[in-house]
Amino acid sequence: MEDPTGRILYKETKKQYDSFSHKTNVKGVYKFCFSNEFSTFTHKTIYFDFQAGDEPPIIPEMGTRVTALTQMESACVTIHEALKVVIESQTHYRLREALDRGRAEDLNSRVSFWSVGETVILFVVSIGQVMMLKSFFTEKSPTSKGVNK
């Protein structure tokens, strides 16, 4: 990750799973670069979770007044904070589910190809055994090359 001034904020290689948090101080365009140079044969999937800006307070007057919150207001704030944690957990679980789904689909395709290969081999061996058994029970006709009348 590079900030608008060109300073590298974060750089890692060969990571399977990682998390990076950064609070921006400089306004502008930030750059991200992902490479697949170490494994060009397999596809990579990258998941992002951006949170831009600070979340406005749940009660608009909370930022301006210094007085204590009512019981209803504090309950709302507590519930709101708990729901934010739930949303972050759901995002994490969705990421893990997507990764595991990719592994399961890859395994399913490999098992399917293996099953097709085994089926083809089974048919080839079966046909070979039938032909071999058939040759045991067919009568071979004698050749008459050496017999002259």
Protein backbone atom coordinates (compact mmCIF):
# COMPACT_ATOMS: atom_id res chain seq x y z
CA MET A 1 0.00 0.00 0.00
CA GLU A 2 1.37 3.37 -1.02
CA ASP A 3 0.16 6.79 0.06
CA PRO A 4 -0.29 9.76 -2.32
CA THR A 5 3.24 11.01 -1.59
CA GLY A 6 4.76 7.70 -2.73
CA ARG A 7 5.69 6.45 0.72
CA ILE A 8 5.17 2.68 1.16
CA LEU A 9 2.85 2.05 4.08
CA TYR A 10 2.61 -1.72 3.90
CA LYS A 11 4.44 -4.37 1.89
CA GLU A 12 4.26 -8.15 2.34
CA THR A 13 5.03 -11.16 0.15
CA LYS A 14 3.84 -14.76 0.16
CA LYS A 15 0.94 -14.25 2.57
CA GLN A 16 -2.07 -16.55 2.55
CA TYR A 17 -4.14 -14.45 4.92
CA ASP A 18 -3.39 -11.06 6.36
CA SER A 19 -5.00 -8.00 7.85
CA PHE A 20 -3.81 -4.40 7.75
CA SER A 21 -5.35 -1.36 9.41
CA HIS A 22 -4.32 2.19 8.66
CA LYS A 23 -5.74 5.58 9.47
CA THR A 24 -5.02 8.01 6.68
CA ASN A 25 -3.40 11.34 7.40
CA VAL A 26 -2.85 12.47 3.82
CA LYS A 27 -5.72 13.10 1.42
CA GLY A 28 -5.38 11.71 -2.08
CA VAL A 29 -5.24 8.49 -4.06
CA TYR A 30 -3.78 5.46 -2.31
CA LYS A 31 -2.34 2.64 -4.44
CA PHE A 32 -2.62 -1.11 -3.92
CA CYS A 33 -0.62 -3.67 -5.87
CA PHE A 34 -1.15 -7.43 -5.82
CA SER A 35 1.07 -9.88 -7.66
CA ASN A 36 0.65 -13.52 -8.63
CA GLU A 37 4.28 -14.02 -9.61
CA PHE A 38 4.95 -16.88 -7.21
CA SER A 39 2.05 -19.01 -8.44
CA THR A 40 1.11 -18.25 -12.02
CA PHE A 41 -0.81 -21.50 -12.49
CA THR A 42 -3.43 -20.97 -9.82
CA HIS A 43 -5.97 -18.19 -9.59
CA LYS A 44 -6.04 -15.95 -6.58
CA THR A 45 -9.01 -14.26 -4.96
CA ILE A 46 -8.54 -11.15 -2.90
CA TYR A 47 -11.07 -9.76 -0.44
CA PHE A 48 -11.14 -6.16 0.76
CA ASP A 49 -12.96 -4.48 3.57
CA PHE A 50 -12.62 -0.69 3.40
CA GLN A 51 -13.98 1.61 6.03
CA ALA A 52 -13.79 5.19 4.82
CA GLY A 53 -14.24 7.98 7.31
CA ASP A 54 -15.51 8.00 10.83
CA GLU A 55 -19.01 6.79 11.52
CA PRO A 56 -21.35 9.58 12.56
CA PRO A 57 -22.65 9.29 16.12
CA ILE A 58 -25.90 7.41 16.54
CA ILE A 59 -27.41 10.38 18.40
CA PRO A 60 -26.63 13.62 16.50
CA GLU A 61 -26.34 15.72 19.66
CA MET A 62 -23.78 13.34 21.22
CA GLY A 63 -20.83 15.10 19.67
CA THR A 64 -21.88 18.60 20.74
CA ARG A 65 -23.22 18.20 24.26
CA VAL A 66 -21.30 17.21 27.33
CA THR A 67 -24.21 16.05 29.48
CA ALA A 68 -24.80 12.47 30.48
CA LEU A 69 -26.88 10.19 28.27
CA THR A 70 -30.30 8.99 29.28
CA GLN A 71 -30.79 5.32 29.96
CA MET A 72 -32.49 4.87 26.56
CA GLU A 73 -29.68 6.67 24.74
CA SER A 74 -26.96 4.67 26.44
CA ALA A 75 -28.82 1.42 25.66
CA CYS A 76 -29.02 2.48 21.99
CA VAL A 77 -25.30 3.23 21.91
CA THR A 78 -24.47 -0.12 23.53
CA ILE A 79 -26.65 -2.01 21.05
CA HIS A 80 -25.14 -0.08 18.16
CA GLU A 81 -21.58 -0.93 19.25
CA ALA A 82 -22.52 -4.61 19.67
CA LEU A 83 -24.06 -4.65 16.17
CA LYS A 84 -20.85 -3.20 14.71
CA VAL A 85 -18.92 -6.09 16.27
CA VAL A 86 -21.44 -8.55 14.80
CA ILE A 87 -21.03 -6.99 11.32
CA GLU A 88 -17.24 -7.29 11.55
CA SER A 89 -17.56 -10.93 12.65
CA GLN A 90 -19.93 -11.68 9.78
CA THR A 91 -17.47 -10.16 7.32
CA HIS A 92 -14.71 -12.35 8.73
CA TYR A 93 -16.90 -15.48 8.57
CA ARG A 94 -17.97 -14.70 5.01
CA LEU A 95 -14.32 -14.46 4.03
CA ARG A 96 -13.54 -17.81 5.65
CA GLU A 97 -16.63 -19.38 4.07
CA ALA A 98 -15.58 -18.15 0.63
CA LEU A 99 -12.08 -19.56 1.07
CA ASP A 100 -13.42 -22.90 2.27
CA ARG A 101 -15.97 -22.99 -0.56
CA GLY A 102 -13.13 -22.54 -3.06
CA ARG A 103 -11.22 -25.43 -1.49
CA ALA A 104 -14.33 -27.63 -1.48
CA GLU A 105 -15.10 -26.89 -5.14
CA ASP A 106 -11.49 -27.64 -6.11
CA LEU A 107 -11.60 -30.91 -4.19
CA ASN A 108 -14.95 -31.80 -5.78
CA SER A 109 -13.58 -31.26 -9.29
CA ARG A 110 -10.51 -33.39 -8.54
CA VAL A 111 -12.66 -36.19 -7.11
CA SER A 112 -14.90 -36.03 -10.19
CA PHE A 113 -11.93 -36.29 -12.57
CA TRP A 114 -10.52 -39.19 -10.56
CA SER A 115 -13.89 -40.98 -10.67
CA VAL A 116 -14.13 -40.55 -14.45
CA GLY A 117 -10.60 -41.91 -14.82
CA GLU A 118 -11.38 -44.92 -12.62
CA THR A 119 -14.56 -45.59 -14.63
CA VAL A 120 -12.65 -45.55 -17.93
CA ILE A 121 -9.99 -47.89 -16.51
CA LEU A 122 -12.72 -50.19 -15.18
CA PHE A 123 -14.34 -50.46 -18.64
CA VAL A 124 -11.00 -51.06 -20.38
CA VAL A 125 -10.07 -53.82 -17.91
CA SER A 126 -13.57 -55.37 -18.21
CA ILE A 127 -13.41 -55.46 -22.01
CA GLY A 128 -9.89 -56.91 -21.83
CA GLN A 129 -11.02 -59.67 -19.46
CA VAL A 130 -14.03 -60.55 -21.64
CA MET A 131 -11.79 -60.81 -24.70
CA MET A 132 -9.29 -62.94 -22.78
CA LEU A 133 -12.00 -65.32 -21.53
CA LYS A 134 -13.52 -65.50 -25.01
CA SER A 135 -10.15 -66.53 -26.46
CA PHE A 136 -9.98 -69.43 -23.96
CA PHE A 137 -13.25 -70.92 -25.20
CA THR A 138 -12.91 -70.45 -28.95
CA GLU A 139 -11.64 -73.39 -30.95
CA LYS A 140 -8.56 -72.78 -32.93
CA SER A 141 -8.67 -74.29 -36.40
CA PRO A 142 -5.58 -76.30 -37.36
CA THR A 143 -3.60 -75.00 -40.26
CA SER A 144 -3.03 -77.29 -43.23
CA LYS A 145 0.28 -76.00 -44.44
CA GLY A 146 2.31 -79.11 -43.71
CA VAL A 147 -0.20 -81.73 -44.98
CA ASN A 148 -0.28 -82.59 -48.74
CA LYS A 149 -2.56 -85.21 -50.23
